[in-house]
Amino acid sequence: MFKTALERMPSDTHKFVIRADCTPTGEHVRRFNAPTVNDVAAIIVGDPTKSRDIVVQRRSNIMHRVNETHRLYDALQYPIIYWQGQDGYDITLKMVDPITGVSTNKNLSAMNYYAYRMMIRTHEENVILKCRRLFQQFAVDMYVKVETERLAFIRFNQAKLRSEDYIHLRDAIHSDGDVQNIGRLTILPSTYIGSPRHMHEYAQDAMTYVRNYGTPDLFITVTCNPKWTEIERELEPGQKPQDRHDIIARVFQQNSRL
């Protein structure tokens, strides 16, 4: 029904060579270190709130653009996981009351949907968690979808977030250059993890601890060992720790809170 990307790619003899020993002038050396672990990553180019350029070409050479929030996007991209052509995430999905089983009026977010799909259940086999390398690609791809949805919500709900009342409004005026443009900038709230205001709150919390308890005596870091018993006992037969980043993340979070 559809053509693959390999069928569309022209045959050529060009080769891409990446030299790890060459770094741009003026940049930090470690930023361009060669990777030591074979991991899956995503590169987001341009405005993350805009739709991705996803195109499906039929055998009749007719091309169709597919939005990443379309209910069939997951099945088109991951036919091994959605081998029955099941529907994936859709922006029209609603939350379900866990007690009554009745749909509510609250929209289901992509984060909640994919967290549900990746959950381990005792009496239900989860195919996604058995896909190893494909599971890593699926998790990274859906993480980008989650972040895109969150950023789009923040961008189109600036009035609800009261962006004009932020304590750092003077910084916005300075960067925008025109007082009349107040409120037109997209301001990330402190609830967005990794945003400047989120990190600023962490710094304020650290200063509060120092003021109340004094300067720290030790700098303690917590690292994760993939050979921990808590990780190895949760692996499926034949799996390695690098196949289940979800288990490693959960165990690390639990141990870091001790």
C-alpha atoms as a PDB file:
ATOM      1  CA  MET A   1       0.000   0.000   0.000  1.00  0.00           C
ATOM      2  CA  PHE A   2       2.813   2.386   0.865  1.00  0.00           C
ATOM      3  CA  LYS A   3       6.354   2.917  -0.315  1.00  0.00           C
ATOM      4  CA  THR A   4       9.241   2.778   2.132  1.00  0.00           C
ATOM      5  CA  ALA A   5      11.785   5.549   2.566  1.00  0.00           C
ATOM      6  CA  LEU A   6      14.479   3.223   1.202  1.00  0.00           C
ATOM      7  CA  GLU A   7      12.605   2.923  -2.090  1.00  0.00           C
ATOM      8  CA  ARG A   8      12.535   6.714  -2.454  1.00  0.00           C
ATOM      9  CA  MET A   9      16.198   7.313  -1.687  1.00  0.00           C
ATOM     10  CA  PRO A  10      18.382   7.725  -4.780  1.00  0.00           C
ATOM     11  CA  SER A  11      21.342   5.427  -5.069  1.00  0.00           C
ATOM     12  CA  ASP A  12      24.669   7.228  -4.786  1.00  0.00           C
ATOM     13  CA  THR A  13      28.171   6.638  -3.508  1.00  0.00           C
ATOM     14  CA  HIS A  14      28.406   9.627  -1.189  1.00  0.00           C
ATOM     15  CA  LYS A  15      29.679   9.010   2.327  1.00  0.00           C
ATOM     16  CA  PHE A  16      29.262  11.107   5.453  1.00  0.00           C
ATOM     17  CA  VAL A  17      32.385  11.285   7.599  1.00  0.00           C
ATOM     18  CA  ILE A  18      32.219  12.678  11.138  1.00  0.00           C
ATOM     19  CA  ARG A  19      35.609  13.402  12.649  1.00  0.00           C
ATOM     20  CA  ALA A  20      35.458  13.288  16.425  1.00  0.00           C
ATOM     21  CA  ASP A  21      38.885  14.934  16.726  1.00  0.00           C
ATOM     22  CA  CYS A  22      37.700  18.169  15.063  1.00  0.00           C
ATOM     23  CA  THR A  23      35.625  20.680  17.046  1.00  0.00           C
ATOM     24  CA  PRO A  24      34.367  24.164  16.093  1.00  0.00           C
ATOM     25  CA  THR A  25      36.482  27.071  17.257  1.00  0.00           C
ATOM     26  CA  GLY A  26      35.361  28.660  20.506  1.00  0.00           C
ATOM     27  CA  GLU A  27      33.095  25.795  21.600  1.00  0.00           C
ATOM     28  CA  HIS A  28      33.595  23.703  24.721  1.00  0.00           C
ATOM     29  CA  VAL A  29      35.671  20.629  23.918  1.00  0.00           C
ATOM     30  CA  ARG A  30      33.487  18.145  25.811  1.00  0.00           C
ATOM     31  CA  ARG A  31      30.361  19.228  23.963  1.00  0.00           C
ATOM     32  CA  PHE A  32      31.625  17.419  20.893  1.00  0.00           C
ATOM     33  CA  ASN A  33      33.072  14.338  22.554  1.00  0.00           C
ATOM     34  CA  ALA A  34      32.514  11.098  20.685  1.00  0.00           C
ATOM     35  CA  PRO A  35      29.695   9.061  22.291  1.00  0.00           C
ATOM     36  CA  THR A  36      30.787   6.186  24.508  1.00  0.00           C
ATOM     37  CA  VAL A  37      27.355   4.516  24.717  1.00  0.00           C
ATOM     38  CA  ASN A  38      25.210   3.350  21.813  1.00  0.00           C
ATOM     39  CA  ASP A  39      21.956   5.150  22.672  1.00  0.00           C
ATOM     40  CA  VAL A  40      18.975   6.419  20.707  1.00  0.00           C
ATOM     41  CA  ALA A  41      18.579  10.210  20.592  1.00  0.00           C
ATOM     42  CA  ALA A  42      16.412  12.785  18.837  1.00  0.00           C
ATOM     43  CA  ILE A  43      17.402  16.075  17.206  1.00  0.00           C
ATOM     44  CA  ILE A  44      14.610  18.661  17.210  1.00  0.00           C
ATOM     45  CA  VAL A  45      15.166  21.220  14.448  1.00  0.00           C
ATOM     46  CA  GLY A  46      13.328  24.539  14.337  1.00  0.00           C
ATOM     47  CA  ASP A  47      10.263  25.462  16.355  1.00  0.00           C
ATOM     48  CA  PRO A  48       9.254  22.428  18.451  1.00  0.00           C
ATOM     49  CA  THR A  49       5.625  23.602  18.575  1.00  0.00           C
ATOM     50  CA  LYS A  50       5.178  23.267  14.812  1.00  0.00           C
ATOM     51  CA  SER A  51       3.983  20.071  13.157  1.00  0.00           C
ATOM     52  CA  ARG A  52       6.579  17.587  12.036  1.00  0.00           C
ATOM     53  CA  ASP A  53       7.060  16.908   8.339  1.00  0.00           C
ATOM     54  CA  ILE A  54       5.631  13.366   8.193  1.00  0.00           C
ATOM     55  CA  VAL A  55       4.629  12.199   4.727  1.00  0.00           C
ATOM     56  CA  VAL A  56       3.164   8.891   3.545  1.00  0.00           C
ATOM     57  CA  GLN A  57       3.398   7.969  -0.143  1.00  0.00           C
ATOM     58  CA  ARG A  58       1.052   5.425  -1.647  1.00  0.00           C
ATOM     59  CA  ARG A  59       2.017   3.044  -4.427  1.00  0.00           C
ATOM     60  CA  SER A  60       0.096   5.339  -6.746  1.00  0.00           C
ATOM     61  CA  ASN A  61       2.697   8.052  -5.942  1.00  0.00           C
ATOM     62  CA  ILE A  62       0.076  10.153  -4.124  1.00  0.00           C
ATOM     63  CA  MET A  63       1.590  11.731  -1.019  1.00  0.00           C
ATOM     64  CA  HIS A  64      -0.326  12.460   2.181  1.00  0.00           C
ATOM     65  CA  ARG A  65       0.839  14.485   5.149  1.00  0.00           C
ATOM     66  CA  VAL A  66       0.205  12.862   8.549  1.00  0.00           C
ATOM     67  CA  ASN A  67       0.123  14.804  11.806  1.00  0.00           C
ATOM     68  CA  GLU A  68       1.972  13.236  14.729  1.00  0.00           C
ATOM     69  CA  THR A  69      -1.209  13.441  16.809  1.00  0.00           C
ATOM     70  CA  HIS A  70      -3.232  11.429  14.278  1.00  0.00           C
ATOM     71  CA  ARG A  71      -4.592   8.216  15.789  1.00  0.00           C
ATOM     72  CA  LEU A  72      -2.923   6.101  13.082  1.00  0.00           C
ATOM     73  CA  TYR A  73       0.528   7.700  13.291  1.00  0.00           C
ATOM     74  CA  ASP A  74       1.805   5.178  15.844  1.00  0.00           C
ATOM     75  CA  ALA A  75       0.641   2.210  13.756  1.00  0.00           C
ATOM     76  CA  LEU A  76       2.197   3.642  10.587  1.00  0.00           C
ATOM     77  CA  GLN A  77       5.519   4.339  12.271  1.00  0.00           C
ATOM     78  CA  TYR A  78       5.707   1.189  14.421  1.00  0.00           C
ATOM     79  CA  PRO A  79       3.908  -1.687  12.654  1.00  0.00           C
ATOM     80  CA  ILE A  80       5.761  -4.264  14.767  1.00  0.00           C
ATOM     81  CA  ILE A  81       4.364  -2.810  17.998  1.00  0.00           C
ATOM     82  CA  TYR A  82       0.912  -2.053  16.570  1.00  0.00           C
ATOM     83  CA  TRP A  83       0.809  -5.226  14.492  1.00  0.00           C
ATOM     84  CA  GLN A  84      -3.006  -5.228  14.403  1.00  0.00           C
ATOM     85  CA  GLY A  85      -3.203  -1.616  13.251  1.00  0.00           C
ATOM     86  CA  GLN A  86      -4.567  -0.402  16.578  1.00  0.00           C
ATOM     87  CA  ASP A  87      -5.262   3.256  17.143  1.00  0.00           C
ATOM     88  CA  GLY A  88      -2.603   5.256  18.950  1.00  0.00           C
ATOM     89  CA  TYR A  89      -2.746   8.581  20.722  1.00  0.00           C
ATOM     90  CA  ASP A  90      -5.381  11.071  19.642  1.00  0.00           C
ATOM     91  CA  ILE A  91      -5.984  14.581  20.958  1.00  0.00           C
ATOM     92  CA  THR A  92      -9.702  13.795  21.260  1.00  0.00           C
ATOM     93  CA  LEU A  93      -9.195  11.016  23.824  1.00  0.00           C
ATOM     94  CA  LYS A  94     -10.766  11.602  27.213  1.00  0.00           C
ATOM     95  CA  MET A  95      -9.753  10.567  30.707  1.00  0.00           C
ATOM     96  CA  VAL A  96     -11.657   7.631  32.201  1.00  0.00           C
ATOM     97  CA  ASP A  97     -12.783   7.452  35.813  1.00  0.00           C
ATOM     98  CA  PRO A  98     -10.875   4.461  37.285  1.00  0.00           C
ATOM     99  CA  ILE A  99     -13.758   3.610  39.618  1.00  0.00           C
ATOM    100  CA  THR A 100     -16.800   3.916  37.365  1.00  0.00           C
ATOM    101  CA  GLY A 101     -15.056   3.341  34.016  1.00  0.00           C
ATOM    102  CA  VAL A 102     -16.971   6.265  32.515  1.00  0.00           C
ATOM    103  CA  SER A 103     -15.276   8.828  30.275  1.00  0.00           C
ATOM    104  CA  THR A 104     -14.880  12.305  31.724  1.00  0.00           C
ATOM    105  CA  ASN A 105     -14.727  15.705  30.040  1.00  0.00           C
ATOM    106  CA  LYS A 106     -11.005  16.060  30.767  1.00  0.00           C
ATOM    107  CA  ASN A 107      -8.701  15.582  27.789  1.00  0.00           C
ATOM    108  CA  LEU A 108      -6.097  12.839  27.951  1.00  0.00           C
ATOM    109  CA  SER A 109      -2.554  14.164  27.538  1.00  0.00           C
ATOM    110  CA  ALA A 110       0.111  12.400  25.502  1.00  0.00           C
ATOM    111  CA  MET A 111       2.253  12.027  28.625  1.00  0.00           C
ATOM    112  CA  ASN A 112      -0.488  10.167  30.504  1.00  0.00           C
ATOM    113  CA  TYR A 113      -1.314   8.020  27.476  1.00  0.00           C
ATOM    114  CA  TYR A 114       2.218   6.779  26.825  1.00  0.00           C
ATOM    115  CA  ALA A 115       2.958   6.373  30.530  1.00  0.00           C
ATOM    116  CA  TYR A 116      -0.057   4.056  30.588  1.00  0.00           C
ATOM    117  CA  ARG A 117       1.171   2.146  27.513  1.00  0.00           C
ATOM    118  CA  MET A 118       4.628   1.595  29.021  1.00  0.00           C
ATOM    119  CA  MET A 119       3.386   0.437  32.410  1.00  0.00           C
ATOM    120  CA  ILE A 120       4.191  -3.084  33.652  1.00  0.00           C
ATOM    121  CA  ARG A 121       1.089  -5.146  34.440  1.00  0.00           C
ATOM    122  CA  THR A 122       0.955  -8.524  36.150  1.00  0.00           C
ATOM    123  CA  HIS A 123      -1.757 -10.204  34.076  1.00  0.00           C
ATOM    124  CA  GLU A 124      -1.174  -8.432  30.770  1.00  0.00           C
ATOM    125  CA  GLU A 125       1.776  -8.826  28.404  1.00  0.00           C
ATOM    126  CA  ASN A 126       3.190  -5.538  27.145  1.00  0.00           C
ATOM    127  CA  VAL A 127       4.693  -5.981  23.683  1.00  0.00           C
ATOM    128  CA  ILE A 128       6.362  -2.560  23.756  1.00  0.00           C
ATOM    129  CA  LEU A 129       8.622  -3.528  26.662  1.00  0.00           C
ATOM    130  CA  LYS A 130       9.920  -6.550  24.739  1.00  0.00           C
ATOM    131  CA  CYS A 131      11.092  -4.663  21.651  1.00  0.00           C
ATOM    132  CA  ARG A 132      14.540  -3.744  23.033  1.00  0.00           C
ATOM    133  CA  ARG A 133      16.108  -1.282  20.565  1.00  0.00           C
ATOM    134  CA  LEU A 134      12.781  -0.466  18.973  1.00  0.00           C
ATOM    135  CA  PHE A 135      11.381   0.278  22.427  1.00  0.00           C
ATOM    136  CA  GLN A 136      14.114   2.886  22.924  1.00  0.00           C
ATOM    137  CA  GLN A 137      13.252   4.544  19.604  1.00  0.00           C
ATOM    138  CA  PHE A 138       9.550   4.443  20.476  1.00  0.00           C
ATOM    139  CA  ALA A 139      10.175   6.049  23.880  1.00  0.00           C
ATOM    140  CA  VAL A 140      12.322   8.842  22.395  1.00  0.00           C
ATOM    141  CA  ASP A 141       9.847   9.507  19.580  1.00  0.00           C
ATOM    142  CA  MET A 142       6.884   9.714  21.948  1.00  0.00           C
ATOM    143  CA  TYR A 143       8.858  11.885  24.365  1.00  0.00           C
ATOM    144  CA  VAL A 144       9.302  14.422  21.563  1.00  0.00           C
ATOM    145  CA  LYS A 145       5.543  14.253  20.955  1.00  0.00           C
ATOM    146  CA  VAL A 146       4.871  14.858  24.661  1.00  0.00           C
ATOM    147  CA  GLU A 147       7.233  17.848  24.792  1.00  0.00           C
ATOM    148  CA  THR A 148       5.728  19.292  21.614  1.00  0.00           C
ATOM    149  CA  GLU A 149       2.241  19.052  23.088  1.00  0.00           C
ATOM    150  CA  ARG A 150       3.314  20.676  26.350  1.00  0.00           C
ATOM    151  CA  LEU A 151       5.078  23.547  24.583  1.00  0.00           C
ATOM    152  CA  ALA A 152       2.089  24.100  22.314  1.00  0.00           C
ATOM    153  CA  PHE A 153      -0.220  24.266  25.332  1.00  0.00           C
ATOM    154  CA  ILE A 154       2.030  26.829  27.013  1.00  0.00           C
ATOM    155  CA  ARG A 155       2.311  28.895  23.841  1.00  0.00           C
ATOM    156  CA  PHE A 156      -1.437  29.098  23.221  1.00  0.00           C
ATOM    157  CA  ASN A 157      -2.408  29.588  26.867  1.00  0.00           C
ATOM    158  CA  GLN A 158      -0.208  32.524  27.803  1.00  0.00           C
ATOM    159  CA  ALA A 159      -3.236  34.507  28.997  1.00  0.00           C
ATOM    160  CA  LYS A 160      -4.177  31.748  31.453  1.00  0.00           C
ATOM    161  CA  LEU A 161      -0.591  31.549  32.660  1.00  0.00           C
ATOM    162  CA  ARG A 162      -0.618  35.338  33.275  1.00  0.00           C
ATOM    163  CA  SER A 163       2.696  35.882  31.500  1.00  0.00           C
ATOM    164  CA  GLU A 164       2.474  39.630  32.023  1.00  0.00           C
ATOM    165  CA  ASP A 165       2.657  39.204  35.818  1.00  0.00           C
ATOM    166  CA  TYR A 166       5.932  37.276  36.019  1.00  0.00           C
ATOM    167  CA  ILE A 167       8.594  38.639  38.314  1.00  0.00           C
ATOM    168  CA  HIS A 168      11.078  38.540  35.428  1.00  0.00           C
ATOM    169  CA  LEU A 169       8.991  40.794  33.201  1.00  0.00           C
ATOM    170  CA  ARG A 170      11.811  43.332  33.029  1.00  0.00           C
ATOM    171  CA  ASP A 171      13.982  40.712  31.357  1.00  0.00           C
ATOM    172  CA  ALA A 172      11.248  40.195  28.766  1.00  0.00           C
ATOM    173  CA  ILE A 173      11.034  43.936  28.078  1.00  0.00           C
ATOM    174  CA  HIS A 174      14.796  44.144  27.737  1.00  0.00           C
ATOM    175  CA  SER A 175      14.978  41.254  25.279  1.00  0.00           C
ATOM    176  CA  ASP A 176      11.972  42.387  23.259  1.00  0.00           C
ATOM    177  CA  GLY A 177      13.042  46.030  23.055  1.00  0.00           C
ATOM    178  CA  ASP A 178       9.510  47.469  23.003  1.00  0.00           C
ATOM    179  CA  VAL A 179       7.265  48.011  26.019  1.00  0.00           C
ATOM    180  CA  GLN A 180       4.207  47.683  23.760  1.00  0.00           C
ATOM    181  CA  ASN A 181       5.119  44.043  23.102  1.00  0.00           C
ATOM    182  CA  ILE A 182       4.652  42.998  26.729  1.00  0.00           C
ATOM    183  CA  GLY A 183       2.846  39.687  26.904  1.00  0.00           C
ATOM    184  CA  ARG A 184       3.600  38.740  23.304  1.00  0.00           C
ATOM    185  CA  LEU A 185       6.640  36.723  24.239  1.00  0.00           C
ATOM    186  CA  THR A 186       6.127  33.059  25.028  1.00  0.00           C
ATOM    187  CA  ILE A 187       7.210  32.683  28.638  1.00  0.00           C
ATOM    188  CA  LEU A 188       7.932  29.216  30.014  1.00  0.00           C
ATOM    189  CA  PRO A 189       6.531  28.818  33.549  1.00  0.00           C
ATOM    190  CA  SER A 190       8.466  27.215  36.385  1.00  0.00           C
ATOM    191  CA  THR A 191       6.336  24.078  35.998  1.00  0.00           C
ATOM    192  CA  TYR A 192       8.129  23.313  32.711  1.00  0.00           C
ATOM    193  CA  ILE A 193      11.108  21.165  33.695  1.00  0.00           C
ATOM    194  CA  GLY A 194      14.406  22.636  32.512  1.00  0.00           C
ATOM    195  CA  SER A 195      13.068  26.126  31.861  1.00  0.00           C
ATOM    196  CA  PRO A 196      15.000  29.135  33.246  1.00  0.00           C
ATOM    197  CA  ARG A 197      12.343  29.767  35.904  1.00  0.00           C
ATOM    198  CA  HIS A 198      12.372  26.116  36.928  1.00  0.00           C
ATOM    199  CA  MET A 199      16.145  26.211  37.445  1.00  0.00           C
ATOM    200  CA  HIS A 200      15.860  29.596  39.173  1.00  0.00           C
ATOM    201  CA  GLU A 201      13.487  28.082  41.736  1.00  0.00           C
ATOM    202  CA  TYR A 202      15.999  25.294  42.370  1.00  0.00           C
ATOM    203  CA  ALA A 203      18.696  27.898  42.994  1.00  0.00           C
ATOM    204  CA  GLN A 204      16.416  29.777  45.388  1.00  0.00           C
ATOM    205  CA  ASP A 205      15.654  26.550  47.261  1.00  0.00           C
ATOM    206  CA  ALA A 206      19.374  25.831  47.574  1.00  0.00           C
ATOM    207  CA  MET A 207      20.020  29.305  48.996  1.00  0.00           C
ATOM    208  CA  THR A 208      17.184  28.792  51.488  1.00  0.00           C
ATOM    209  CA  TYR A 209      18.730  25.540  52.695  1.00  0.00           C
ATOM    210  CA  VAL A 210      22.080  27.267  53.173  1.00  0.00           C
ATOM    211  CA  ARG A 211      20.471  30.125  55.090  1.00  0.00           C
ATOM    212  CA  ASN A 212      18.602  27.771  57.440  1.00  0.00           C
ATOM    213  CA  TYR A 213      21.119  24.940  57.877  1.00  0.00           C
ATOM    214  CA  GLY A 214      24.460  26.538  57.028  1.00  0.00           C
ATOM    215  CA  THR A 215      26.950  25.805  54.280  1.00  0.00           C
ATOM    216  CA  PRO A 216      27.202  22.176  53.117  1.00  0.00           C
ATOM    217  CA  ASP A 217      30.049  19.964  54.297  1.00  0.00           C
ATOM    218  CA  LEU A 218      29.795  17.231  51.660  1.00  0.00           C
ATOM    219  CA  PHE A 219      28.916  17.076  47.974  1.00  0.00           C
ATOM    220  CA  ILE A 220      27.093  13.766  47.537  1.00  0.00           C
ATOM    221  CA  THR A 221      26.235  12.347  44.125  1.00  0.00           C
ATOM    222  CA  VAL A 222      24.127   9.290  43.353  1.00  0.00           C
ATOM    223  CA  THR A 223      24.985   7.056  40.400  1.00  0.00           C
ATOM    224  CA  CYS A 224      23.105   4.074  39.020  1.00  0.00           C
ATOM    225  CA  ASN A 225      24.618   0.626  38.577  1.00  0.00           C
ATOM    226  CA  PRO A 226      22.810  -1.466  35.929  1.00  0.00           C
ATOM    227  CA  LYS A 227      23.868  -4.592  37.822  1.00  0.00           C
ATOM    228  CA  TRP A 228      21.836  -3.691  40.883  1.00  0.00           C
ATOM    229  CA  THR A 229      19.717  -6.579  42.084  1.00  0.00           C
ATOM    230  CA  GLU A 230      16.567  -4.455  41.897  1.00  0.00           C
ATOM    231  CA  ILE A 231      17.168  -3.978  38.151  1.00  0.00           C
ATOM    232  CA  GLU A 232      18.285  -7.472  37.171  1.00  0.00           C
ATOM    233  CA  ARG A 233      15.406  -9.256  38.879  1.00  0.00           C
ATOM    234  CA  GLU A 234      12.851  -7.235  36.860  1.00  0.00           C
ATOM    235  CA  LEU A 235      14.364  -8.067  33.461  1.00  0.00           C
ATOM    236  CA  GLU A 236      12.649 -10.501  31.124  1.00  0.00           C
ATOM    237  CA  PRO A 237      14.566 -13.650  30.053  1.00  0.00           C
ATOM    238  CA  GLY A 238      17.245 -12.667  27.541  1.00  0.00           C
ATOM    239  CA  GLN A 239      17.019  -8.949  28.265  1.00  0.00           C
ATOM    240  CA  LYS A 240      19.924  -6.738  29.280  1.00  0.00           C
ATOM    241  CA  PRO A 241      19.757  -3.584  31.420  1.00  0.00           C
ATOM    242  CA  GLN A 242      20.252  -1.376  28.349  1.00  0.00           C
ATOM    243  CA  ASP A 243      17.055  -2.868  26.904  1.00  0.00           C
ATOM    244  CA  ARG A 244      14.919  -1.545  29.778  1.00  0.00           C
ATOM    245  CA  HIS A 245      15.673   2.089  30.486  1.00  0.00           C
ATOM    246  CA  ASP A 246      12.264   2.355  32.124  1.00  0.00           C
ATOM    247  CA  ILE A 247      13.325  -0.015  34.920  1.00  0.00           C
ATOM    248  CA  ILE A 248      16.662   1.748  35.388  1.00  0.00           C
ATOM    249  CA  ALA A 249      14.945   5.142  35.674  1.00  0.00           C
ATOM    250  CA  ARG A 250      12.400   3.902  38.227  1.00  0.00           C
ATOM    251  CA  VAL A 251      14.975   2.138  40.397  1.00  0.00           C
ATOM    252  CA  PHE A 252      17.280   5.169  40.317  1.00  0.00           C
ATOM    253  CA  GLN A 253      14.450   7.485  41.346  1.00  0.00           C
ATOM    254  CA  GLN A 254      13.511   5.215  44.243  1.00  0.00           C
ATOM    255  CA  ASN A 255      17.088   4.880  45.489  1.00  0.00           C
ATOM    256  CA  SER A 256      17.788   8.616  45.175  1.00  0.00           C
ATOM    257  CA  ARG A 257      14.898   9.354  47.531  1.00  0.00           C
ATOM    258  CA  LEU A 258      16.278   7.157  50.318  1.00  0.00           C
END
